[in-house]
PDB file of N, CA and C in Angstrom:
ATOM      1  N   THR A   1      56.415  45.227   4.706  1.00  0.00           N
ATOM      2  CA  THR A   1      56.054  43.921   5.249  1.00  0.00           C
ATOM      3  C   THR A   1      55.507  43.124   4.099  1.00  0.00           C
ATOM      4  N   VAL A   2      55.787  41.866   4.071  1.00  0.00           N
ATOM      5  CA  VAL A   2      55.126  40.919   3.111  1.00  0.00           C
ATOM      6  C   VAL A   2      54.303  40.048   3.787  1.00  0.00           C
ATOM      7  N   SER A   3      52.931  40.109   3.388  1.00  0.00           N
ATOM      8  CA  SER A   3      51.927  39.256   4.328  1.00  0.00           C
ATOM      9  C   SER A   3      50.803  38.823   3.286  1.00  0.00           C
ATOM     10  N   GLY A   4      49.942  38.086   3.853  1.00  0.00           N
ATOM     11  CA  GLY A   4      48.693  37.656   3.061  1.00  0.00           C
ATOM     12  C   GLY A   4      49.100  36.919   1.703  1.00  0.00           C
ATOM     13  N   GLU A   5      48.397  37.349   0.621  1.00  0.00           N
ATOM     14  CA  GLU A   5      48.440  36.695  -0.651  1.00  0.00           C
ATOM     15  C   GLU A   5      49.911  36.773  -1.101  1.00  0.00           C
ATOM     16  N   HIS A   6      50.469  37.934  -0.806  1.00  0.00           N
ATOM     17  CA  HIS A   6      51.962  38.173  -1.325  1.00  0.00           C
ATOM     18  C   HIS A   6      53.003  37.041  -0.648  1.00  0.00           C
ATOM     19  N   LEU A   7      52.689  36.909   0.709  1.00  0.00           N
ATOM     20  CA  LEU A   7      53.453  35.905   1.340  1.00  0.00           C
ATOM     21  C   LEU A   7      53.169  34.504   0.948  1.00  0.00           C
ATOM     22  N   THR A   8      51.925  34.214   0.633  1.00  0.00           N
ATOM     23  CA  THR A   8      51.568  32.857   0.060  1.00  0.00           C
ATOM     24  C   THR A   8      52.181  32.507  -1.183  1.00  0.00           C
ATOM     25  N   TRP A   9      52.096  33.548  -2.089  1.00  0.00           N
ATOM     26  CA  TRP A   9      52.827  33.376  -3.338  1.00  0.00           C
ATOM     27  C   TRP A   9      54.312  33.234  -3.176  1.00  0.00           C
ATOM     28  N   PHE A  10      54.933  33.994  -2.333  1.00  0.00           N
ATOM     29  CA  PHE A  10      56.370  33.900  -2.203  1.00  0.00           C
ATOM     30  C   PHE A  10      56.751  32.490  -1.574  1.00  0.00           C
ATOM     31  N   LYS A  11      55.860  31.924  -0.764  1.00  0.00           N
ATOM     32  CA  LYS A  11      56.171  30.596  -0.168  1.00  0.00           C
ATOM     33  C   LYS A  11      56.132  29.517  -1.333  1.00  0.00           C
ATOM     34  N   SER A  12      55.130  29.707  -2.200  1.00  0.00           N
ATOM     35  CA  SER A  12      54.894  28.745  -3.286  1.00  0.00           C
ATOM     36  C   SER A  12      56.032  28.759  -4.266  1.00  0.00           C
ATOM     37  N   ILE A  13      56.666  29.954  -4.594  1.00  0.00           N
ATOM     38  CA  ILE A  13      57.889  30.127  -5.300  1.00  0.00           C
ATOM     39  C   ILE A  13      59.047  29.394  -4.748  1.00  0.00           C
ATOM     40  N   LEU A  14      59.302  29.623  -3.496  1.00  0.00           N
ATOM     41  CA  LEU A  14      60.349  29.063  -2.705  1.00  0.00           C
ATOM     42  C   LEU A  14      60.342  27.514  -2.694  1.00  0.00           C
ATOM     43  N   ARG A  15      59.129  27.102  -2.298  1.00  0.00           N
ATOM     44  CA  ARG A  15      58.756  25.702  -2.339  1.00  0.00           C
ATOM     45  C   ARG A  15      59.117  24.973  -3.744  1.00  0.00           C
ATOM     46  N   TYR A  16      58.719  25.571  -4.671  1.00  0.00           N
ATOM     47  CA  TYR A  16      59.059  25.074  -6.027  1.00  0.00           C
ATOM     48  C   TYR A  16      60.542  24.912  -6.138  1.00  0.00           C
ATOM     49  N   GLY A  17      61.178  26.073  -5.833  1.00  0.00           N
ATOM     50  CA  GLY A  17      62.621  26.114  -5.879  1.00  0.00           C
ATOM     51  C   GLY A  17      63.318  25.006  -5.139  1.00  0.00           C
ATOM     52  N   LYS A  18      62.925  24.865  -4.035  1.00  0.00           N
ATOM     53  CA  LYS A  18      63.503  23.742  -3.099  1.00  0.00           C
ATOM     54  C   LYS A  18      63.304  22.460  -3.567  1.00  0.00           C
ATOM     55  N   GLN A  19      62.128  22.077  -4.211  1.00  0.00           N
ATOM     56  CA  GLN A  19      61.714  20.758  -4.635  1.00  0.00           C
ATOM     57  C   GLN A  19      62.314  20.439  -6.048  1.00  0.00           C
ATOM     58  N   ASN A  20      62.712  21.511  -6.827  1.00  0.00           N
ATOM     59  CA  ASN A  20      63.249  21.233  -8.227  1.00  0.00           C
ATOM     60  C   ASN A  20      64.700  20.943  -8.173  1.00  0.00           C
ATOM     61  N   SER A  21      65.077  19.781  -8.468  1.00  0.00           N
ATOM     62  CA  SER A  21      66.480  19.350  -8.403  1.00  0.00           C
ATOM     63  C   SER A  21      67.380  20.080  -9.434  1.00  0.00           C
ATOM     64  N   ASP A  22      66.735  20.730 -10.462  1.00  0.00           N
ATOM     65  CA  ASP A  22      67.439  21.480 -11.441  1.00  0.00           C
ATOM     66  C   ASP A  22      67.953  22.838 -10.919  1.00  0.00           C
ATOM     67  N   ILE A  23      67.306  23.342  -9.814  1.00  0.00           N
ATOM     68  CA  ILE A  23      67.732  24.685  -9.272  1.00  0.00           C
ATOM     69  C   ILE A  23      68.652  24.404  -8.166  1.00  0.00           C
ATOM     70  N   LYS A  24      69.957  24.953  -8.371  1.00  0.00           N
ATOM     71  CA  LYS A  24      71.056  24.744  -7.481  1.00  0.00           C
ATOM     72  C   LYS A  24      71.112  25.799  -6.356  1.00  0.00           C
ATOM     73  N   HIS A  25      70.655  26.988  -6.739  1.00  0.00           N
ATOM     74  CA  HIS A  25      70.714  28.091  -5.712  1.00  0.00           C
ATOM     75  C   HIS A  25      69.490  28.938  -5.769  1.00  0.00           C
ATOM     76  N   ILE A  26      68.969  29.455  -4.706  1.00  0.00           N
ATOM     77  CA  ILE A  26      67.965  30.388  -4.582  1.00  0.00           C
ATOM     78  C   ILE A  26      68.327  31.739  -4.150  1.00  0.00           C
ATOM     79  N   PHE A  27      68.078  32.742  -4.957  1.00  0.00           N
ATOM     80  CA  PHE A  27      68.353  34.143  -4.628  1.00  0.00           C
ATOM     81  C   PHE A  27      67.049  34.863  -4.537  1.00  0.00           C
ATOM     82  N   VAL A  28      67.000  35.861  -3.562  1.00  0.00           N
ATOM     83  CA  VAL A  28      65.845  36.665  -3.381  1.00  0.00           C
ATOM     84  C   VAL A  28      66.422  38.142  -3.419  1.00  0.00           C
ATOM     85  N   GLN A  29      65.699  39.084  -4.081  1.00  0.00           N
ATOM     86  CA  GLN A  29      66.208  40.449  -4.157  1.00  0.00           C
ATOM     87  C   GLN A  29      65.079  41.365  -3.695  1.00  0.00           C
ATOM     88  N   ALA A  30      65.220  42.298  -2.706  1.00  0.00           N
ATOM     89  CA  ALA A  30      64.314  43.321  -2.342  1.00  0.00           C
ATOM     90  C   ALA A  30      65.099  44.623  -2.034  1.00  0.00           C
ATOM     91  N   HIS A  31      64.377  45.567  -1.844  1.00  0.00           N
ATOM     92  CA  HIS A  31      64.929  46.857  -1.634  1.00  0.00           C
ATOM     93  C   HIS A  31      65.633  47.052  -0.184  1.00  0.00           C
ATOM     94  N   LEU A  32      64.908  46.651   0.837  1.00  0.00           N
ATOM     95  CA  LEU A  32      65.264  46.945   2.173  1.00  0.00           C
ATOM     96  C   LEU A  32      66.082  45.830   2.919  1.00  0.00           C
ATOM     97  N   PRO A  33      67.092  46.118   3.567  1.00  0.00           N
ATOM     98  CA  PRO A  33      67.847  45.193   4.325  1.00  0.00           C
ATOM     99  C   PRO A  33      66.931  44.661   5.537  1.00  0.00           C
ATOM    100  N   ILE A  34      67.249  43.422   5.891  1.00  0.00           N
ATOM    101  CA  ILE A  34      66.485  42.818   7.085  1.00  0.00           C
ATOM    102  C   ILE A  34      67.342  42.715   8.298  1.00  0.00           C
ATOM    103  N   ILE A  35      68.576  42.080   8.136  1.00  0.00           N
ATOM    104  CA  ILE A  35      69.482  41.973   9.296  1.00  0.00           C
ATOM    105  C   ILE A  35      70.007  43.171   9.512  1.00  0.00           C
ATOM    106  N   GLN A  36      70.135  43.638  10.820  1.00  0.00           N
ATOM    107  CA  GLN A  36      70.772  44.854  11.344  1.00  0.00           C
ATOM    108  C   GLN A  36      72.024  44.391  12.211  1.00  0.00           C
ATOM    109  N   PRO A  37      73.094  45.162  12.216  1.00  0.00           N
ATOM    110  CA  PRO A  37      73.271  46.320  11.650  1.00  0.00           C
ATOM    111  C   PRO A  37      73.955  46.226  10.233  1.00  0.00           C
ATOM    112  N   VAL A  38      73.802  47.310   9.488  1.00  0.00           N
ATOM    113  CA  VAL A  38      74.447  47.456   8.173  1.00  0.00           C
ATOM    114  C   VAL A  38      75.048  48.927   8.122  1.00  0.00           C
ATOM    115  N   ARG A  39      76.013  48.943   7.184  1.00  0.00           N
ATOM    116  CA  ARG A  39      76.596  50.267   6.998  1.00  0.00           C
ATOM    117  C   ARG A  39      75.593  51.099   6.255  1.00  0.00           C
ATOM    118  N   ILE A  40      75.600  52.433   6.704  1.00  0.00           N
ATOM    119  CA  ILE A  40      74.623  53.349   6.134  1.00  0.00           C
ATOM    120  C   ILE A  40      75.462  54.522   5.534  1.00  0.00           C
ATOM    121  N   VAL A  41      75.212  54.993   4.369  1.00  0.00           N
ATOM    122  CA  VAL A  41      75.736  56.176   3.746  1.00  0.00           C
ATOM    123  C   VAL A  41      74.696  57.021   3.065  1.00  0.00           C
ATOM    124  N   ASN A  42      74.447  58.206   3.442  1.00  0.00           N
ATOM    125  CA  ASN A  42      73.439  58.994   2.792  1.00  0.00           C
ATOM    126  C   ASN A  42      72.168  58.408   2.488  1.00  0.00           C
ATOM    127  N   SER A  43      71.637  57.766   3.526  1.00  0.00           N
ATOM    128  CA  SER A  43      70.372  57.008   3.339  1.00  0.00           C
ATOM    129  C   SER A  43      69.505  57.122   4.508  1.00  0.00           C
ATOM    130  N   SER A  44      68.210  56.907   4.287  1.00  0.00           N
ATOM    131  CA  SER A  44      67.101  56.976   5.413  1.00  0.00           C
ATOM    132  C   SER A  44      67.378  55.949   6.448  1.00  0.00           C
ATOM    133  N   GLY A  45      68.197  54.870   6.014  1.00  0.00           N
ATOM    134  CA  GLY A  45      68.402  53.672   7.147  1.00  0.00           C
ATOM    135  C   GLY A  45      67.077  52.838   7.290  1.00  0.00           C
ATOM    136  N   GLN A  46      66.297  52.932   6.336  1.00  0.00           N
ATOM    137  CA  GLN A  46      65.018  52.171   6.528  1.00  0.00           C
ATOM    138  C   GLN A  46      65.309  50.679   6.511  1.00  0.00           C
ATOM    139  N   PHE A  47      64.594  49.827   7.314  1.00  0.00           N
ATOM    140  CA  PHE A  47      64.764  48.434   7.418  1.00  0.00           C
ATOM    141  C   PHE A  47      63.387  47.752   7.288  1.00  0.00           C
ATOM    142  N   PHE A  48      63.487  46.523   6.947  1.00  0.00           N
ATOM    143  CA  PHE A  48      62.262  45.653   6.720  1.00  0.00           C
ATOM    144  C   PHE A  48      61.561  45.541   8.257  1.00  0.00           C
ATOM    145  N   ASP A  49      60.326  45.640   8.251  1.00  0.00           N
ATOM    146  CA  ASP A  49      59.478  45.568   9.450  1.00  0.00           C
ATOM    147  C   ASP A  49      59.760  44.186  10.160  1.00  0.00           C
ATOM    148  N   SER A  50      59.910  44.128  11.435  1.00  0.00           N
ATOM    149  CA  SER A  50      60.135  42.983  12.269  1.00  0.00           C
ATOM    150  C   SER A  50      61.471  42.170  12.044  1.00  0.00           C
ATOM    151  N   ALA A  51      62.225  42.715  11.091  1.00  0.00           N
ATOM    152  CA  ALA A  51      63.549  42.235  10.862  1.00  0.00           C
ATOM    153  C   ALA A  51      63.645  40.728  10.803  1.00  0.00           C
ATOM    154  N   GLN A  52      64.559  40.110  11.489  1.00  0.00           N
ATOM    155  CA  GLN A  52      64.704  38.554  11.508  1.00  0.00           C
ATOM    156  C   GLN A  52      63.504  37.971  12.117  1.00  0.00           C
ATOM    157  N   GLU A  53      62.611  38.445  12.765  1.00  0.00           N
ATOM    158  CA  GLU A  53      61.352  37.917  13.245  1.00  0.00           C
ATOM    159  C   GLU A  53      60.271  38.016  12.240  1.00  0.00           C
ATOM    160  N   SER A  54      60.472  38.665  11.165  1.00  0.00           N
ATOM    161  CA  SER A  54      59.403  38.629  10.126  1.00  0.00           C
ATOM    162  C   SER A  54      59.195  37.258   9.558  1.00  0.00           C
ATOM    163  N   ASP A  55      57.831  37.058   9.065  1.00  0.00           N
ATOM    164  CA  ASP A  55      57.605  35.761   8.502  1.00  0.00           C
ATOM    165  C   ASP A  55      58.403  35.641   7.097  1.00  0.00           C
ATOM    166  N   PHE A  56      58.623  36.826   6.465  1.00  0.00           N
ATOM    167  CA  PHE A  56      59.450  36.917   5.187  1.00  0.00           C
ATOM    168  C   PHE A  56      60.767  36.252   5.496  1.00  0.00           C
ATOM    169  N   TRP A  57      61.484  36.654   6.415  1.00  0.00           N
ATOM    170  CA  TRP A  57      62.823  36.243   6.811  1.00  0.00           C
ATOM    171  C   TRP A  57      62.761  34.779   7.139  1.00  0.00           C
ATOM    172  N   LYS A  58      61.940  34.334   8.138  1.00  0.00           N
ATOM    173  CA  LYS A  58      61.797  33.009   8.578  1.00  0.00           C
ATOM    174  C   LYS A  58      61.458  32.032   7.467  1.00  0.00           C
ATOM    175  N   ILE A  59      60.730  32.430   6.509  1.00  0.00           N
ATOM    176  CA  ILE A  59      60.333  31.616   5.318  1.00  0.00           C
ATOM    177  C   ILE A  59      61.674  31.405   4.499  1.00  0.00           C
ATOM    178  N   MET A  60      62.392  32.464   4.256  1.00  0.00           N
ATOM    179  CA  MET A  60      63.666  32.314   3.397  1.00  0.00           C
ATOM    180  C   MET A  60      64.541  31.352   4.056  1.00  0.00           C
ATOM    181  N   ASN A  61      64.611  31.395   5.359  1.00  0.00           N
ATOM    182  CA  ASN A  61      65.564  30.389   6.139  1.00  0.00           C
ATOM    183  C   ASN A  61      64.990  29.031   5.990  1.00  0.00           C
ATOM    184  N   TRP A  62      63.728  28.775   6.190  1.00  0.00           N
ATOM    185  CA  TRP A  62      63.074  27.551   6.099  1.00  0.00           C
ATOM    186  C   TRP A  62      63.220  26.853   4.814  1.00  0.00           C
ATOM    187  N   TYR A  63      63.092  27.554   3.653  1.00  0.00           N
ATOM    188  CA  TYR A  63      63.082  27.138   2.321  1.00  0.00           C
ATOM    189  C   TYR A  63      64.589  27.103   1.724  1.00  0.00           C
ATOM    190  N   GLY A  64      65.451  27.424   2.486  1.00  0.00           N
ATOM    191  CA  GLY A  64      66.868  27.331   2.079  1.00  0.00           C
ATOM    192  C   GLY A  64      67.411  28.383   1.000  1.00  0.00           C
ATOM    193  N   VAL A  65      66.915  29.585   1.203  1.00  0.00           N
ATOM    194  CA  VAL A  65      67.379  30.650   0.256  1.00  0.00           C
ATOM    195  C   VAL A  65      68.873  30.768   0.578  1.00  0.00           C
ATOM    196  N   ASP A  66      69.659  30.978  -0.402  1.00  0.00           N
ATOM    197  CA  ASP A  66      71.125  31.085  -0.371  1.00  0.00           C
ATOM    198  C   ASP A  66      71.413  32.539  -0.058  1.00  0.00           C
ATOM    199  N   VAL A  67      70.924  33.467  -0.859  1.00  0.00           N
ATOM    200  CA  VAL A  67      71.458  34.890  -0.636  1.00  0.00           C
ATOM    201  C   VAL A  67      70.245  35.780  -0.822  1.00  0.00           C
ATOM    202  N   TYR A  68      70.082  36.701   0.084  1.00  0.00           N
ATOM    203  CA  TYR A  68      69.199  37.747  -0.011  1.00  0.00           C
ATOM    204  C   TYR A  68      69.824  39.040  -0.242  1.00  0.00           C
ATOM    205  N   PHE A  69      69.562  39.642  -1.425  1.00  0.00           N
ATOM    206  CA  PHE A  69      70.086  40.979  -1.869  1.00  0.00           C
ATOM    207  C   PHE A  69      69.244  42.072  -1.521  1.00  0.00           C
ATOM    208  N   ALA A  70      69.801  43.267  -1.017  1.00  0.00           N
ATOM    209  CA  ALA A  70      69.021  44.303  -0.694  1.00  0.00           C
ATOM    210  C   ALA A  70      69.858  45.638  -0.908  1.00  0.00           C
ATOM    211  N   GLY A  71      69.362  46.682  -0.848  1.00  0.00           N
ATOM    212  CA  GLY A  71      70.060  47.916  -1.113  1.00  0.00           C
ATOM    213  C   GLY A  71      69.669  48.988  -0.060  1.00  0.00           C
ATOM    214  N   ASP A  72      69.178  50.190  -0.573  1.00  0.00           N
ATOM    215  CA  ASP A  72      68.705  51.274   0.179  1.00  0.00           C
ATOM    216  C   ASP A  72      69.720  52.050   1.020  1.00  0.00           C
ATOM    217  N   VAL A  73      70.681  51.453   1.668  1.00  0.00           N
ATOM    218  CA  VAL A  73      71.667  52.041   2.529  1.00  0.00           C
ATOM    219  C   VAL A  73      72.907  52.626   1.978  1.00  0.00           C
ATOM    220  N   HIS A  74      73.085  52.395   0.607  1.00  0.00           N
ATOM    221  CA  HIS A  74      74.185  52.973  -0.248  1.00  0.00           C
ATOM    222  C   HIS A  74      75.527  52.548   0.298  1.00  0.00           C
ATOM    223  N   SER A  75      75.644  51.383   0.862  1.00  0.00           N
ATOM    224  CA  SER A  75      76.908  50.908   1.281  1.00  0.00           C
ATOM    225  C   SER A  75      76.923  49.303   1.319  1.00  0.00           C
ATOM    226  N   ASN A  76      78.059  48.611   1.410  1.00  0.00           N
ATOM    227  CA  ASN A  76      78.144  47.285   1.318  1.00  0.00           C
ATOM    228  C   ASN A  76      78.265  46.518   2.578  1.00  0.00           C
ATOM    229  N   THR A  77      77.500  45.566   2.814  1.00  0.00           N
ATOM    230  CA  THR A  77      77.577  44.749   4.036  1.00  0.00           C
ATOM    231  C   THR A  77      77.089  43.344   3.746  1.00  0.00           C
ATOM    232  N   ALA A  78      77.699  42.282   4.293  1.00  0.00           N
ATOM    233  CA  ALA A  78      77.340  41.001   4.180  1.00  0.00           C
ATOM    234  C   ALA A  78      77.158  40.320   5.556  1.00  0.00           C
ATOM    235  N   THR A  79      76.035  39.696   5.795  1.00  0.00           N
ATOM    236  CA  THR A  79      75.781  39.191   7.093  1.00  0.00           C
ATOM    237  C   THR A  79      75.160  37.830   6.956  1.00  0.00           C
ATOM    238  N   LYS A  80      75.516  36.698   7.849  1.00  0.00           N
ATOM    239  CA  LYS A  80      75.000  35.398   7.723  1.00  0.00           C
ATOM    240  C   LYS A  80      73.799  35.391   8.715  1.00  0.00           C
ATOM    241  N   SER A  81      72.763  34.670   8.272  1.00  0.00           N
ATOM    242  CA  SER A  81      71.653  34.527   9.211  1.00  0.00           C
ATOM    243  C   SER A  81      72.047  33.788  10.450  1.00  0.00           C
ATOM    244  N   SER A  82      71.352  34.109  11.627  1.00  0.00           N
ATOM    245  CA  SER A  82      71.745  33.510  12.875  1.00  0.00           C
ATOM    246  C   SER A  82      70.873  32.258  13.134  1.00  0.00           C
ATOM    247  N   TYR A  83      69.879  31.966  12.158  1.00  0.00           N
ATOM    248  CA  TYR A  83      69.108  30.715  12.401  1.00  0.00           C
ATOM    249  C   TYR A  83      69.890  29.413  12.291  1.00  0.00           C
ATOM    250  N   ASN A  84      69.751  28.519  13.304  1.00  0.00           N
ATOM    251  CA  ASN A  84      70.348  27.335  13.375  1.00  0.00           C
ATOM    252  C   ASN A  84      70.257  26.483  12.053  1.00  0.00           C
ATOM    253  N   GLY A  85      71.387  26.132  11.476  1.00  0.00           N
ATOM    254  CA  GLY A  85      71.283  25.443  10.290  1.00  0.00           C
ATOM    255  C   GLY A  85      71.200  26.149   8.885  1.00  0.00           C
ATOM    256  N   SER A  86      70.919  27.385   9.116  1.00  0.00           N
ATOM    257  CA  SER A  86      70.818  28.177   7.887  1.00  0.00           C
ATOM    258  C   SER A  86      72.005  28.691   7.319  1.00  0.00           C
ATOM    259  N   ASN A  87      72.110  28.737   5.998  1.00  0.00           N
ATOM    260  CA  ASN A  87      73.255  29.178   5.213  1.00  0.00           C
ATOM    261  C   ASN A  87      72.956  30.598   4.545  1.00  0.00           C
ATOM    262  N   LEU A  88      71.859  31.187   4.783  1.00  0.00           N
ATOM    263  CA  LEU A  88      71.268  32.240   4.272  1.00  0.00           C
ATOM    264  C   LEU A  88      72.261  33.454   4.489  1.00  0.00           C
ATOM    265  N   VAL A  89      72.653  34.232   3.560  1.00  0.00           N
ATOM    266  CA  VAL A  89      73.527  35.410   3.681  1.00  0.00           C
ATOM    267  C   VAL A  89      72.746  36.690   3.082  1.00  0.00           C
ATOM    268  N   GLN A  90      72.721  37.661   3.853  1.00  0.00           N
ATOM    269  CA  GLN A  90      72.155  38.995   3.324  1.00  0.00           C
ATOM    270  C   GLN A  90      73.242  39.780   2.848  1.00  0.00           C
ATOM    271  N   VAL A  91      73.169  40.219   1.563  1.00  0.00           N
ATOM    272  CA  VAL A  91      74.197  40.993   0.799  1.00  0.00           C
ATOM    273  C   VAL A  91      73.576  42.386   0.552  1.00  0.00           C
ATOM    274  N   VAL A  92      73.960  43.390   1.235  1.00  0.00           N
ATOM    275  CA  VAL A  92      73.493  44.750   1.044  1.00  0.00           C
ATOM    276  C   VAL A  92      74.496  45.504   0.206  1.00  0.00           C
ATOM    277  N   THR A  93      74.125  45.973  -1.021  1.00  0.00           N
ATOM    278  CA  THR A  93      75.006  46.657  -1.845  1.00  0.00           C
ATOM    279  C   THR A  93      74.684  48.134  -2.195  1.00  0.00           C
ATOM    280  N   ARG A  94      75.766  48.920  -2.482  1.00  0.00           N
ATOM    281  CA  ARG A  94      75.514  50.273  -2.696  1.00  0.00           C
ATOM    282  C   ARG A  94      74.945  50.579  -4.011  1.00  0.00           C
ATOM    283  N   GLY A  95      74.476  51.792  -4.382  1.00  0.00           N
ATOM    284  CA  GLY A  95      74.049  52.174  -5.646  1.00  0.00           C
ATOM    285  C   GLY A  95      73.635  53.654  -5.684  1.00  0.00           C
ATOM    286  N   ASN A  96      74.431  54.407  -5.161  1.00  0.00           N
ATOM    287  CA  ASN A  96      74.039  55.778  -5.149  1.00  0.00           C
ATOM    288  C   ASN A  96      74.512  56.573  -6.364  1.00  0.00           C
ATOM    289  N   ALA A  97      75.254  57.638  -6.245  1.00  0.00           N
ATOM    290  CA  ALA A  97      75.715  58.437  -7.405  1.00  0.00           C
ATOM    291  C   ALA A  97      76.856  57.775  -8.191  1.00  0.00           C
ATOM    292  N   ILE A  98      77.413  56.728  -7.600  1.00  0.00           N
ATOM    293  CA  ILE A  98      78.485  55.990  -8.322  1.00  0.00           C
ATOM    294  C   ILE A  98      77.856  54.723  -8.895  1.00  0.00           C
ATOM    295  N   ASN A  99      78.175  54.491 -10.200  1.00  0.00           N
ATOM    296  CA  ASN A  99      77.765  53.254 -10.851  1.00  0.00           C
ATOM    297  C   ASN A  99      78.577  52.075 -10.263  1.00  0.00           C
ATOM    298  N   ASN A 100      78.036  51.014 -10.015  1.00  0.00           N
ATOM    299  CA  ASN A 100      78.755  49.883  -9.556  1.00  0.00           C
ATOM    300  C   ASN A 100      78.005  48.664  -9.883  1.00  0.00           C
ATOM    301  N   PHE A 101      78.807  47.526  -9.752  1.00  0.00           N
ATOM    302  CA  PHE A 101      78.244  46.164 -10.180  1.00  0.00           C
ATOM    303  C   PHE A 101      78.676  45.271  -9.072  1.00  0.00           C
ATOM    304  N   LEU A 102      77.870  44.267  -8.633  1.00  0.00           N
ATOM    305  CA  LEU A 102      78.358  43.301  -7.779  1.00  0.00           C
ATOM    306  C   LEU A 102      78.534  41.920  -8.384  1.00  0.00           C
ATOM    307  N   THR A 103      79.627  41.377  -8.228  1.00  0.00           N
ATOM    308  CA  THR A 103      79.931  40.000  -8.857  1.00  0.00           C
ATOM    309  C   THR A 103      79.986  39.014  -7.731  1.00  0.00           C
ATOM    310  N   VAL A 104      79.143  37.931  -7.839  1.00  0.00           N
ATOM    311  CA  VAL A 104      79.024  36.992  -6.770  1.00  0.00           C
ATOM    312  C   VAL A 104      79.496  35.593  -7.460  1.00  0.00           C
ATOM    313  N   ASP A 105      80.638  35.012  -6.921  1.00  0.00           N
ATOM    314  CA  ASP A 105      80.955  33.716  -7.404  1.00  0.00           C
ATOM    315  C   ASP A 105      80.398  32.597  -6.438  1.00  0.00           C
ATOM    316  N   ILE A 106      79.782  31.562  -7.148  1.00  0.00           N
ATOM    317  CA  ILE A 106      79.183  30.516  -6.518  1.00  0.00           C
ATOM    318  C   ILE A 106      80.013  29.341  -6.633  1.00  0.00           C
TER     319      ILE A 106
END
């Protein structure tokens, strides 16, 4: 869970990104997936507390985050936010015993 001072700091960073015309895209990266379901391979299947109802997810939608990158589940899944008017996509990527890289074309 992201709350308190951490959430306040996070909002300030996203606010800056949204207001700065030089910033074309906003990406956020964390360990745990938020939107479910995702593919799970040899993983605990741990998810972010409160999922899409978390303040963290709501704030990313509000401030126009483009992509939220996560891992933990050792498989690949991409899911679009269900919030009305949001273009936020959660991209969960693998990274277990196999080296891999993710390329995203914008």
